[in-house]
Amino acid sequence: MSKKRKSVSLPKKIYPKTNVSRAYYRHIVNSIEHDPLIRHTTLTVACLISAICILIGSLIWYAQFNPGNLVFTSAKVTAISSGKIDTQGNTSTFVTFSFQTRGHDPKQYSVRQVANTAIKYSENQNIRIGYHPKNPNYARDLSNTSLPFVSIVLWSVPFLIMVWFIFVALIRYIKRQELIWEAAEAANIDE
């Protein structure tokens, strides 16, 4: 036959004129000290969320720098131009670059695409590109090495969770200490 442990609920606040026995004081202190500042289930969920954010941020970063099925090569910027891209009058800068395909029968291609705003282009500049081997007219400028903003935000989530947990743990610790002091006063114990 197993013994069932009695669950005693602790008072939220012990008032100064309340008389508390030394045994009940020790029970209060023991219960408070064995109650974690952050619950284990909360920590588990936070770790899972952090791991997911780091993984998704890493996948976005990896996808930007390593697009699938593209052959990597270098290209030379041949022209820089501006033009309207919609009926509202918005303009964009376009970059035209030429490159030579790799393989048994190399061919020269010239591709025009919208310029990346994070990079300053100049004519005759060498850039890193990737092209699709079955359709070399589909080529992407891969010279942008800045981290994606979405990845940075996702990677900062674990640090924000950690700071929040530190803040919550400090507040809970202070509240617990106040409860212990009030219990010690009620039990007339000088510790």
N, C-alpha and C. Protein backbone atom coordinates (compact mmCIF):
# COMPACT_ATOMS: atom_id res chain seq x y z
N MET A 1 0.84 -1.17 0.00
CA MET A 1 0.00 0.00 0.00
C MET A 1 0.89 1.23 0.00
N SER A 2 0.65 2.10 -0.89
CA SER A 2 1.47 3.31 -0.99
C SER A 2 0.86 4.43 -0.16
N LYS A 3 1.77 5.21 0.40
CA LYS A 3 1.32 6.36 1.19
C LYS A 3 1.10 7.54 0.25
N LYS A 4 0.02 8.19 0.44
CA LYS A 4 -0.24 9.40 -0.34
C LYS A 4 0.32 10.58 0.41
N ARG A 5 1.02 11.41 -0.31
CA ARG A 5 1.63 12.58 0.29
C ARG A 5 0.58 13.69 0.39
N LYS A 6 0.50 14.27 1.55
CA LYS A 6 -0.46 15.35 1.75
C LYS A 6 0.08 16.62 1.12
N SER A 7 -0.76 17.25 0.39
CA SER A 7 -0.39 18.52 -0.22
C SER A 7 -0.94 19.65 0.63
N VAL A 8 -0.04 20.44 1.17
CA VAL A 8 -0.45 21.56 1.99
C VAL A 8 -0.26 22.82 1.18
N SER A 9 -1.32 23.58 1.04
CA SER A 9 -1.19 24.83 0.28
C SER A 9 -0.59 25.89 1.20
N LEU A 10 0.35 26.62 0.64
CA LEU A 10 1.03 27.65 1.40
C LEU A 10 0.24 28.95 1.31
N PRO A 11 0.24 29.71 2.37
CA PRO A 11 -0.46 30.99 2.31
C PRO A 11 0.26 31.94 1.37
N LYS A 12 -0.49 32.78 0.71
CA LYS A 12 0.09 33.76 -0.20
C LYS A 12 0.86 34.83 0.55
N LYS A 13 0.36 35.15 1.73
CA LYS A 13 1.00 36.17 2.54
C LYS A 13 0.81 35.79 4.00
N ILE A 14 1.87 35.89 4.77
CA ILE A 14 1.78 35.62 6.20
C ILE A 14 1.79 36.97 6.90
N TYR A 15 0.79 37.21 7.65
CA TYR A 15 0.66 38.50 8.31
C TYR A 15 1.47 38.52 9.60
N PRO A 16 2.01 39.66 9.99
CA PRO A 16 2.92 39.74 11.14
C PRO A 16 2.32 39.24 12.45
N LYS A 17 1.03 39.38 12.65
CA LYS A 17 0.44 38.97 13.93
C LYS A 17 0.05 37.50 13.95
N THR A 18 0.30 36.78 12.87
CA THR A 18 -0.01 35.36 12.79
C THR A 18 1.07 34.59 13.54
N ASN A 19 0.65 33.63 14.35
CA ASN A 19 1.61 32.77 15.04
C ASN A 19 1.80 31.51 14.20
N VAL A 20 3.07 31.21 13.89
CA VAL A 20 3.40 30.03 13.10
C VAL A 20 4.38 29.20 13.92
N SER A 21 4.15 27.89 13.97
CA SER A 21 5.06 27.03 14.71
C SER A 21 6.37 26.87 13.94
N ARG A 22 7.40 26.44 14.65
CA ARG A 22 8.70 26.25 14.01
C ARG A 22 8.64 25.13 12.97
N ALA A 23 7.86 24.10 13.23
CA ALA A 23 7.73 22.99 12.29
C ALA A 23 7.05 23.47 10.99
N TYR A 24 5.99 24.28 11.17
CA TYR A 24 5.31 24.81 9.98
C TYR A 24 6.22 25.79 9.22
N TYR A 25 7.04 26.55 9.96
CA TYR A 25 8.00 27.45 9.32
C TYR A 25 9.00 26.65 8.47
N ARG A 26 9.53 25.56 9.04
CA ARG A 26 10.46 24.72 8.28
C ARG A 26 9.78 24.12 7.05
N HIS A 27 8.51 23.75 7.21
CA HIS A 27 7.76 23.22 6.06
C HIS A 27 7.60 24.29 4.98
N ILE A 28 7.30 25.51 5.38
CA ILE A 28 7.16 26.62 4.42
C ILE A 28 8.48 26.85 3.69
N VAL A 29 9.58 26.94 4.45
CA VAL A 29 10.89 27.18 3.84
C VAL A 29 11.27 26.04 2.91
N ASN A 30 11.04 24.80 3.34
CA ASN A 30 11.37 23.64 2.51
C ASN A 30 10.55 23.64 1.22
N SER A 31 9.26 23.95 1.33
CA SER A 31 8.40 23.99 0.13
C SER A 31 8.84 25.09 -0.83
N ILE A 32 9.18 26.24 -0.28
CA ILE A 32 9.60 27.36 -1.13
C ILE A 32 10.92 27.05 -1.82
N GLU A 33 11.87 26.50 -1.08
CA GLU A 33 13.18 26.23 -1.65
C GLU A 33 13.16 25.10 -2.69
N HIS A 34 12.20 24.21 -2.62
CA HIS A 34 12.12 23.12 -3.60
C HIS A 34 11.20 23.43 -4.78
N ASP A 35 10.58 24.58 -4.74
CA ASP A 35 9.76 25.02 -5.87
C ASP A 35 10.69 25.74 -6.86
N PRO A 36 10.82 25.27 -8.10
CA PRO A 36 11.76 25.91 -9.03
C PRO A 36 11.31 27.32 -9.41
N LEU A 37 12.30 28.17 -9.67
CA LEU A 37 11.98 29.54 -10.08
C LEU A 37 11.28 29.57 -11.43
N ILE A 38 11.69 28.69 -12.33
CA ILE A 38 11.04 28.52 -13.64
C ILE A 38 10.64 27.05 -13.74
N ARG A 39 9.41 26.79 -14.06
CA ARG A 39 8.92 25.41 -14.14
C ARG A 39 9.62 24.64 -15.26
N HIS A 40 9.80 23.35 -15.03
CA HIS A 40 10.51 22.52 -16.00
C HIS A 40 9.77 22.43 -17.34
N THR A 41 8.45 22.38 -17.28
CA THR A 41 7.70 22.33 -18.54
C THR A 41 7.85 23.62 -19.33
N THR A 42 7.91 24.74 -18.62
CA THR A 42 8.12 26.03 -19.30
C THR A 42 9.50 26.07 -19.95
N LEU A 43 10.51 25.59 -19.24
CA LEU A 43 11.86 25.54 -19.81
C LEU A 43 11.92 24.62 -21.03
N THR A 44 11.21 23.50 -20.96
CA THR A 44 11.19 22.57 -22.08
C THR A 44 10.56 23.20 -23.31
N VAL A 45 9.43 23.87 -23.13
CA VAL A 45 8.77 24.54 -24.25
C VAL A 45 9.66 25.65 -24.81
N ALA A 46 10.30 26.42 -23.93
CA ALA A 46 11.17 27.50 -24.38
C ALA A 46 12.37 26.96 -25.16
N CYS A 47 12.94 25.86 -24.70
CA CYS A 47 14.06 25.24 -25.43
C CYS A 47 13.62 24.73 -26.79
N LEU A 48 12.43 24.17 -26.87
CA LEU A 48 11.91 23.69 -28.15
C LEU A 48 11.68 24.85 -29.11
N ILE A 49 11.09 25.93 -28.62
CA ILE A 49 10.87 27.12 -29.46
C ILE A 49 12.20 27.69 -29.92
N SER A 50 13.18 27.76 -29.02
CA SER A 50 14.51 28.28 -29.37
C SER A 50 15.17 27.42 -30.44
N ALA A 51 15.09 26.11 -30.29
CA ALA A 51 15.70 25.21 -31.28
C ALA A 51 15.04 25.36 -32.64
N ILE A 52 13.71 25.50 -32.66
CA ILE A 52 13.00 25.68 -33.93
C ILE A 52 13.40 26.99 -34.58
N CYS A 53 13.49 28.06 -33.80
CA CYS A 53 13.89 29.37 -34.35
C CYS A 53 15.31 29.33 -34.93
N ILE A 54 16.23 28.69 -34.21
CA ILE A 54 17.60 28.58 -34.71
C ILE A 54 17.65 27.76 -35.98
N LEU A 55 16.90 26.67 -36.02
CA LEU A 55 16.88 25.81 -37.21
C LEU A 55 16.30 26.54 -38.42
N ILE A 56 15.16 27.20 -38.24
CA ILE A 56 14.53 27.91 -39.37
C ILE A 56 15.42 29.07 -39.84
N GLY A 57 16.00 29.82 -38.89
CA GLY A 57 16.91 30.90 -39.27
C GLY A 57 18.11 30.38 -40.04
N SER A 58 18.64 29.23 -39.63
CA SER A 58 19.78 28.64 -40.33
C SER A 58 19.39 28.16 -41.73
N LEU A 59 18.20 27.59 -41.85
CA LEU A 59 17.74 27.14 -43.18
C LEU A 59 17.55 28.31 -44.13
N ILE A 60 17.00 29.41 -43.64
CA ILE A 60 16.82 30.60 -44.49
C ILE A 60 18.18 31.14 -44.92
N TRP A 61 19.11 31.21 -43.98
CA TRP A 61 20.47 31.68 -44.29
C TRP A 61 21.14 30.75 -45.30
N TYR A 62 21.02 29.44 -45.09
CA TYR A 62 21.64 28.47 -46.00
C TYR A 62 21.03 28.55 -47.40
N ALA A 63 19.71 28.72 -47.45
CA ALA A 63 19.04 28.79 -48.76
C ALA A 63 19.47 30.03 -49.54
N GLN A 64 19.78 31.12 -48.84
CA GLN A 64 20.21 32.32 -49.55
C GLN A 64 21.60 32.12 -50.17
N PHE A 65 22.50 31.47 -49.46
CA PHE A 65 23.87 31.34 -49.94
C PHE A 65 24.11 30.08 -50.76
N ASN A 66 23.22 29.12 -50.70
CA ASN A 66 23.40 27.86 -51.42
C ASN A 66 22.11 27.44 -52.12
N PRO A 67 21.69 28.20 -53.13
CA PRO A 67 20.47 27.80 -53.83
C PRO A 67 20.69 26.48 -54.56
N GLY A 68 19.72 25.62 -54.49
CA GLY A 68 19.85 24.28 -55.04
C GLY A 68 19.89 24.24 -56.56
N ASN A 69 20.56 23.25 -57.09
CA ASN A 69 20.64 22.94 -58.52
C ASN A 69 21.26 24.04 -59.37
N LEU A 70 22.01 24.94 -58.77
CA LEU A 70 22.66 25.97 -59.56
C LEU A 70 24.16 25.67 -59.65
N VAL A 71 24.72 26.02 -60.80
CA VAL A 71 26.16 25.89 -61.00
C VAL A 71 26.78 27.24 -60.67
N PHE A 72 27.78 27.24 -59.81
CA PHE A 72 28.40 28.49 -59.36
C PHE A 72 29.56 28.86 -60.29
N THR A 73 29.61 30.15 -60.61
CA THR A 73 30.70 30.67 -61.43
C THR A 73 30.82 32.17 -61.16
N SER A 74 31.75 32.80 -61.83
CA SER A 74 31.87 34.24 -61.69
C SER A 74 31.41 34.91 -62.97
N ALA A 75 30.94 36.13 -62.83
CA ALA A 75 30.44 36.90 -63.98
C ALA A 75 31.00 38.31 -63.89
N LYS A 76 30.92 39.03 -65.01
CA LYS A 76 31.39 40.41 -65.06
C LYS A 76 30.20 41.31 -65.35
N VAL A 77 30.08 42.37 -64.54
CA VAL A 77 28.99 43.33 -64.75
C VAL A 77 29.30 44.12 -66.02
N THR A 78 28.34 44.10 -66.96
CA THR A 78 28.55 44.80 -68.23
C THR A 78 27.76 46.10 -68.32
N ALA A 79 26.64 46.20 -67.59
CA ALA A 79 25.84 47.43 -67.66
C ALA A 79 25.01 47.58 -66.40
N ILE A 80 24.75 48.84 -66.04
CA ILE A 80 23.88 49.18 -64.92
C ILE A 80 22.87 50.19 -65.44
N SER A 81 21.58 49.90 -65.25
CA SER A 81 20.55 50.79 -65.76
C SER A 81 19.41 50.88 -64.76
N SER A 82 18.57 51.91 -64.95
CA SER A 82 17.39 52.10 -64.10
C SER A 82 16.16 52.12 -64.99
N GLY A 83 15.06 51.69 -64.42
CA GLY A 83 13.83 51.69 -65.19
C GLY A 83 12.62 51.50 -64.29
N LYS A 84 11.43 51.86 -64.83
CA LYS A 84 10.19 51.70 -64.08
C LYS A 84 9.81 50.23 -64.08
N ILE A 85 9.29 49.81 -62.92
CA ILE A 85 8.90 48.41 -62.81
C ILE A 85 7.40 48.22 -62.64
N ASP A 86 6.65 49.30 -62.41
CA ASP A 86 5.20 49.18 -62.28
C ASP A 86 4.51 50.46 -62.75
N THR A 87 3.18 50.44 -62.71
CA THR A 87 2.40 51.56 -63.21
C THR A 87 2.38 52.74 -62.24
N GLN A 88 2.85 52.56 -61.01
CA GLN A 88 2.86 53.63 -60.02
C GLN A 88 4.12 54.48 -60.13
N GLY A 89 5.01 54.14 -61.01
CA GLY A 89 6.20 54.94 -61.23
C GLY A 89 7.40 54.55 -60.39
N ASN A 90 7.33 53.41 -59.71
CA ASN A 90 8.48 52.95 -58.93
C ASN A 90 9.61 52.54 -59.88
N THR A 91 10.81 52.94 -59.54
CA THR A 91 11.96 52.59 -60.38
C THR A 91 12.89 51.65 -59.63
N SER A 92 13.59 50.87 -60.39
CA SER A 92 14.58 49.96 -59.84
C SER A 92 15.83 50.02 -60.68
N THR A 93 16.93 49.59 -60.06
CA THR A 93 18.19 49.52 -60.77
C THR A 93 18.38 48.08 -61.25
N PHE A 94 18.80 47.96 -62.50
CA PHE A 94 19.04 46.65 -63.09
C PHE A 94 20.52 46.48 -63.38
N VAL A 95 20.98 45.25 -63.22
CA VAL A 95 22.37 44.92 -63.50
C VAL A 95 22.39 43.87 -64.61
N THR A 96 23.23 44.13 -65.61
CA THR A 96 23.42 43.14 -66.67
C THR A 96 24.82 42.57 -66.49
N PHE A 97 24.89 41.24 -66.43
CA PHE A 97 26.21 40.61 -66.27
C PHE A 97 26.34 39.49 -67.29
N SER A 98 27.57 39.24 -67.68
CA SER A 98 27.84 38.18 -68.65
C SER A 98 28.75 37.14 -68.01
N PHE A 99 28.55 35.90 -68.41
CA PHE A 99 29.33 34.80 -67.85
C PHE A 99 29.45 33.69 -68.89
N GLN A 100 30.36 32.79 -68.63
CA GLN A 100 30.58 31.66 -69.51
C GLN A 100 30.20 30.40 -68.75
N THR A 101 29.42 29.53 -69.39
CA THR A 101 29.00 28.30 -68.73
C THR A 101 30.17 27.33 -68.62
N ARG A 102 30.05 26.44 -67.69
CA ARG A 102 31.07 25.41 -67.49
C ARG A 102 30.65 24.15 -68.24
N GLY A 103 31.59 23.28 -68.46
CA GLY A 103 31.27 22.01 -69.09
C GLY A 103 32.02 21.79 -70.37
N HIS A 104 31.53 20.82 -71.17
CA HIS A 104 32.20 20.43 -72.42
C HIS A 104 32.06 21.49 -73.50
N ASP A 105 30.91 22.12 -73.55
CA ASP A 105 30.66 23.12 -74.60
C ASP A 105 30.33 24.46 -73.95
N PRO A 106 31.36 25.23 -73.47
CA PRO A 106 31.07 26.51 -72.81
C PRO A 106 30.50 27.54 -73.77
N LYS A 107 29.46 28.24 -73.28
CA LYS A 107 28.82 29.29 -74.07
C LYS A 107 28.75 30.56 -73.24
N GLN A 108 28.71 31.69 -73.93
CA GLN A 108 28.64 33.00 -73.28
C GLN A 108 27.17 33.41 -73.17
N TYR A 109 26.77 33.88 -71.98
CA TYR A 109 25.40 34.35 -71.74
C TYR A 109 25.45 35.72 -71.09
N SER A 110 24.39 36.48 -71.33
CA SER A 110 24.24 37.78 -70.70
C SER A 110 22.85 37.81 -70.08
N VAL A 111 22.79 38.16 -68.78
CA VAL A 111 21.53 38.14 -68.04
C VAL A 111 21.34 39.50 -67.38
N ARG A 112 20.07 39.96 -67.37
CA ARG A 112 19.71 41.23 -66.73
C ARG A 112 18.76 40.91 -65.58
N GLN A 113 19.05 41.46 -64.42
CA GLN A 113 18.17 41.25 -63.27
C GLN A 113 18.18 42.47 -62.37
N VAL A 114 17.22 42.53 -61.47
CA VAL A 114 17.12 43.66 -60.54
C VAL A 114 18.34 43.62 -59.62
N ALA A 115 18.94 44.79 -59.43
CA ALA A 115 20.14 44.88 -58.61
C ALA A 115 19.79 44.75 -57.13
N ASN A 116 20.69 44.14 -56.40
CA ASN A 116 20.55 44.04 -54.97
C ASN A 116 20.91 45.38 -54.35
N THR A 117 20.04 45.93 -53.51
CA THR A 117 20.28 47.26 -52.95
C THR A 117 21.42 47.28 -51.93
N ALA A 118 21.80 46.11 -51.42
CA ALA A 118 22.87 46.06 -50.41
C ALA A 118 24.25 46.13 -51.04
N ILE A 119 24.32 46.02 -52.35
CA ILE A 119 25.62 45.99 -53.03
C ILE A 119 25.73 47.17 -53.98
N LYS A 120 26.90 47.78 -54.01
CA LYS A 120 27.20 48.85 -54.98
C LYS A 120 27.89 48.20 -56.17
N TYR A 121 27.25 48.32 -57.32
CA TYR A 121 27.79 47.71 -58.54
C TYR A 121 28.55 48.75 -59.36
N SER A 122 29.53 48.27 -60.09
CA SER A 122 30.24 49.11 -61.05
C SER A 122 30.56 48.26 -62.28
N GLU A 123 30.69 48.90 -63.40
CA GLU A 123 30.98 48.15 -64.62
C GLU A 123 32.33 47.46 -64.51
N ASN A 124 32.43 46.29 -65.13
CA ASN A 124 33.61 45.41 -65.12
C ASN A 124 33.89 44.81 -63.75
N GLN A 125 32.94 44.90 -62.83
CA GLN A 125 33.09 44.29 -61.52
C GLN A 125 32.80 42.79 -61.63
N ASN A 126 33.61 41.97 -60.98
CA ASN A 126 33.37 40.53 -60.94
C ASN A 126 32.44 40.21 -59.78
N ILE A 127 31.41 39.41 -60.07
CA ILE A 127 30.46 39.00 -59.04
C ILE A 127 30.29 37.49 -59.09
N ARG A 128 29.83 36.93 -58.00
CA ARG A 128 29.57 35.49 -57.91
C ARG A 128 28.12 35.25 -58.31
N ILE A 129 27.91 34.31 -59.22
CA ILE A 129 26.55 34.00 -59.67
C ILE A 129 26.34 32.50 -59.64
N GLY A 130 25.09 32.13 -59.80
CA GLY A 130 24.71 30.74 -59.97
C GLY A 130 23.72 30.66 -61.11
N TYR A 131 23.89 29.69 -62.01
CA TYR A 131 22.96 29.53 -63.12
C TYR A 131 22.46 28.10 -63.16
N HIS A 132 21.28 27.93 -63.73
CA HIS A 132 20.71 26.59 -63.84
C HIS A 132 21.34 25.91 -65.04
N PRO A 133 21.84 24.67 -64.87
CA PRO A 133 22.55 24.03 -65.98
C PRO A 133 21.68 23.75 -67.21
N LYS A 134 20.38 23.56 -67.05
CA LYS A 134 19.50 23.29 -68.19
C LYS A 134 19.01 24.58 -68.84
N ASN A 135 19.04 25.69 -68.10
CA ASN A 135 18.60 26.97 -68.65
C ASN A 135 19.53 28.06 -68.12
N PRO A 136 20.68 28.28 -68.73
CA PRO A 136 21.63 29.28 -68.25
C PRO A 136 21.09 30.71 -68.27
N ASN A 137 19.96 30.95 -68.96
CA ASN A 137 19.38 32.29 -68.92
C ASN A 137 18.79 32.59 -67.55
N TYR A 138 18.57 31.54 -66.76
CA TYR A 138 18.15 31.76 -65.38
C TYR A 138 19.43 31.78 -64.53
N ALA A 139 19.83 32.96 -64.14
CA ALA A 139 21.03 33.13 -63.32
C ALA A 139 20.71 34.08 -62.17
N ARG A 140 21.35 33.84 -61.04
CA ARG A 140 21.13 34.67 -59.85
C ARG A 140 22.45 35.25 -59.38
N ASP A 141 22.39 36.49 -58.96
CA ASP A 141 23.54 37.14 -58.37
C ASP A 141 23.67 36.63 -56.93
N LEU A 142 24.78 36.00 -56.62
CA LEU A 142 25.00 35.44 -55.29
C LEU A 142 26.07 36.19 -54.51
N SER A 143 26.39 37.39 -54.95
CA SER A 143 27.47 38.13 -54.29
C SER A 143 27.03 38.83 -53.02
N ASN A 144 25.74 38.83 -52.71
CA ASN A 144 25.26 39.44 -51.47
C ASN A 144 25.55 38.48 -50.32
N THR A 145 26.47 38.86 -49.45
CA THR A 145 26.85 38.00 -48.34
C THR A 145 26.31 38.48 -47.00
N SER A 146 25.40 39.45 -47.02
CA SER A 146 24.84 39.93 -45.76
C SER A 146 23.80 38.92 -45.26
N LEU A 147 23.69 38.85 -43.94
CA LEU A 147 22.74 37.92 -43.34
C LEU A 147 21.31 38.38 -43.59
N PRO A 148 20.40 37.46 -43.86
CA PRO A 148 18.99 37.85 -44.01
C PRO A 148 18.44 38.37 -42.69
N PHE A 149 17.62 39.42 -42.76
CA PHE A 149 17.05 40.02 -41.56
C PHE A 149 16.19 39.01 -40.80
N VAL A 150 15.46 38.17 -41.52
CA VAL A 150 14.60 37.17 -40.87
C VAL A 150 15.44 36.21 -40.04
N SER A 151 16.60 35.81 -40.55
CA SER A 151 17.48 34.91 -39.79
C SER A 151 17.98 35.58 -38.51
N ILE A 152 18.33 36.84 -38.61
CA ILE A 152 18.82 37.56 -37.43
C ILE A 152 17.72 37.64 -36.36
N VAL A 153 16.49 37.92 -36.80
CA VAL A 153 15.37 37.98 -35.85
C VAL A 153 15.14 36.62 -35.21
N LEU A 154 15.14 35.56 -36.01
CA LEU A 154 14.91 34.22 -35.47
C LEU A 154 16.04 33.80 -34.53
N TRP A 155 17.27 34.15 -34.86
CA TRP A 155 18.39 33.79 -33.99
C TRP A 155 18.39 34.57 -32.69
N SER A 156 17.73 35.73 -32.65
CA SER A 156 17.69 36.51 -31.41
C SER A 156 16.60 36.03 -30.45
N VAL A 157 15.67 35.22 -30.92
CA VAL A 157 14.57 34.74 -30.06
C VAL A 157 15.09 34.00 -28.82
N PRO A 158 16.06 33.06 -28.93
CA PRO A 158 16.54 32.38 -27.71
C PRO A 158 17.14 33.35 -26.69
N PHE A 159 17.82 34.38 -27.14
CA PHE A 159 18.40 35.34 -26.20
C PHE A 159 17.31 36.16 -25.52
N LEU A 160 16.27 36.51 -26.26
CA LEU A 160 15.15 37.24 -25.65
C LEU A 160 14.43 36.38 -24.62
N ILE A 161 14.26 35.10 -24.93
CA ILE A 161 13.63 34.18 -23.97
C ILE A 161 14.50 34.06 -22.73
N MET A 162 15.81 33.97 -22.90
CA MET A 162 16.72 33.85 -21.76
C MET A 162 16.65 35.10 -20.88
N VAL A 163 16.65 36.27 -21.49
CA VAL A 163 16.55 37.51 -20.71
C VAL A 163 15.22 37.56 -19.95
N TRP A 164 14.14 37.13 -20.60
CA TRP A 164 12.83 37.11 -19.95
C TRP A 164 12.84 36.16 -18.75
N PHE A 165 13.43 34.97 -18.92
CA PHE A 165 13.49 34.02 -17.81
C PHE A 165 14.32 34.56 -16.65
N ILE A 166 15.40 35.25 -16.93
CA ILE A 166 16.21 35.84 -15.86
C ILE A 166 15.39 36.87 -15.10
N PHE A 167 14.65 37.69 -15.83
CA PHE A 167 13.80 38.70 -15.20
C PHE A 167 12.73 38.04 -14.33
N VAL A 168 12.05 37.03 -14.85
CA VAL A 168 11.00 36.34 -14.09
C VAL A 168 11.59 35.63 -12.87
N ALA A 169 12.75 34.99 -13.04
CA ALA A 169 13.38 34.29 -11.92
C ALA A 169 13.78 35.25 -10.81
N LEU A 170 14.29 36.43 -11.16
CA LEU A 170 14.66 37.42 -10.14
C LEU A 170 13.43 37.90 -9.37
N ILE A 171 12.36 38.16 -10.07
CA ILE A 171 11.13 38.62 -9.40
C ILE A 171 10.58 37.52 -8.49
N ARG A 172 10.57 36.28 -8.99
CA ARG A 172 10.07 35.18 -8.15
C ARG A 172 10.96 34.95 -6.95
N TYR A 173 12.26 35.10 -7.12
CA TYR A 173 13.20 34.93 -6.00
C TYR A 173 12.94 35.98 -4.92
N ILE A 174 12.74 37.22 -5.33
CA ILE A 174 12.47 38.28 -4.36
C ILE A 174 11.17 38.00 -3.62
N LYS A 175 10.13 37.59 -4.33
CA LYS A 175 8.84 37.28 -3.70
C LYS A 175 8.97 36.12 -2.71
N ARG A 176 9.76 35.11 -3.09
CA ARG A 176 9.97 33.97 -2.20
C ARG A 176 10.71 34.40 -0.94
N GLN A 177 11.72 35.24 -1.09
CA GLN A 177 12.47 35.70 0.07
C GLN A 177 11.57 36.49 1.01
N GLU A 178 10.70 37.32 0.45
CA GLU A 178 9.77 38.08 1.28
C GLU A 178 8.85 37.15 2.06
N LEU A 179 8.38 36.07 1.40
CA LEU A 179 7.51 35.11 2.08
C LEU A 179 8.26 34.39 3.20
N ILE A 180 9.52 34.04 2.98
CA ILE A 180 10.32 33.39 4.02
C ILE A 180 10.55 34.35 5.20
N TRP A 181 10.84 35.61 4.90
CA TRP A 181 11.05 36.58 5.98
C TRP A 181 9.78 36.78 6.80
N GLU A 182 8.65 36.85 6.10
CA GLU A 182 7.38 37.01 6.82
C GLU A 182 7.08 35.78 7.67
N ALA A 183 7.38 34.59 7.15
CA ALA A 183 7.17 33.37 7.93
C ALA A 183 8.10 33.33 9.13
N ALA A 184 9.35 33.77 8.95
CA ALA A 184 10.29 33.79 10.06
C ALA A 184 9.83 34.77 11.14
N GLU A 185 9.30 35.89 10.73
CA GLU A 185 8.78 36.87 11.69
C GLU A 185 7.58 36.30 12.43
N ALA A 186 6.70 35.61 11.71
CA ALA A 186 5.51 35.04 12.32
C ALA A 186 5.88 33.89 13.27
N ALA A 187 6.97 33.19 12.97
CA ALA A 187 7.39 32.09 13.85
C ALA A 187 8.35 32.57 14.92
N ASN A 188 8.69 33.87 14.87
CA ASN A 188 9.61 34.48 15.83
C ASN A 188 10.97 33.79 15.78
N ILE A 189 11.49 33.64 14.54
CA ILE A 189 12.78 32.99 14.33
C ILE A 189 13.73 34.03 13.76
N ASP A 190 14.93 34.10 14.32
CA ASP A 190 15.95 35.02 13.84
C ASP A 190 16.98 34.26 13.03
N GLU A 191 16.77 34.17 11.72
CA GLU A 191 17.71 33.47 10.84
C GLU A 191 18.10 34.36 9.70
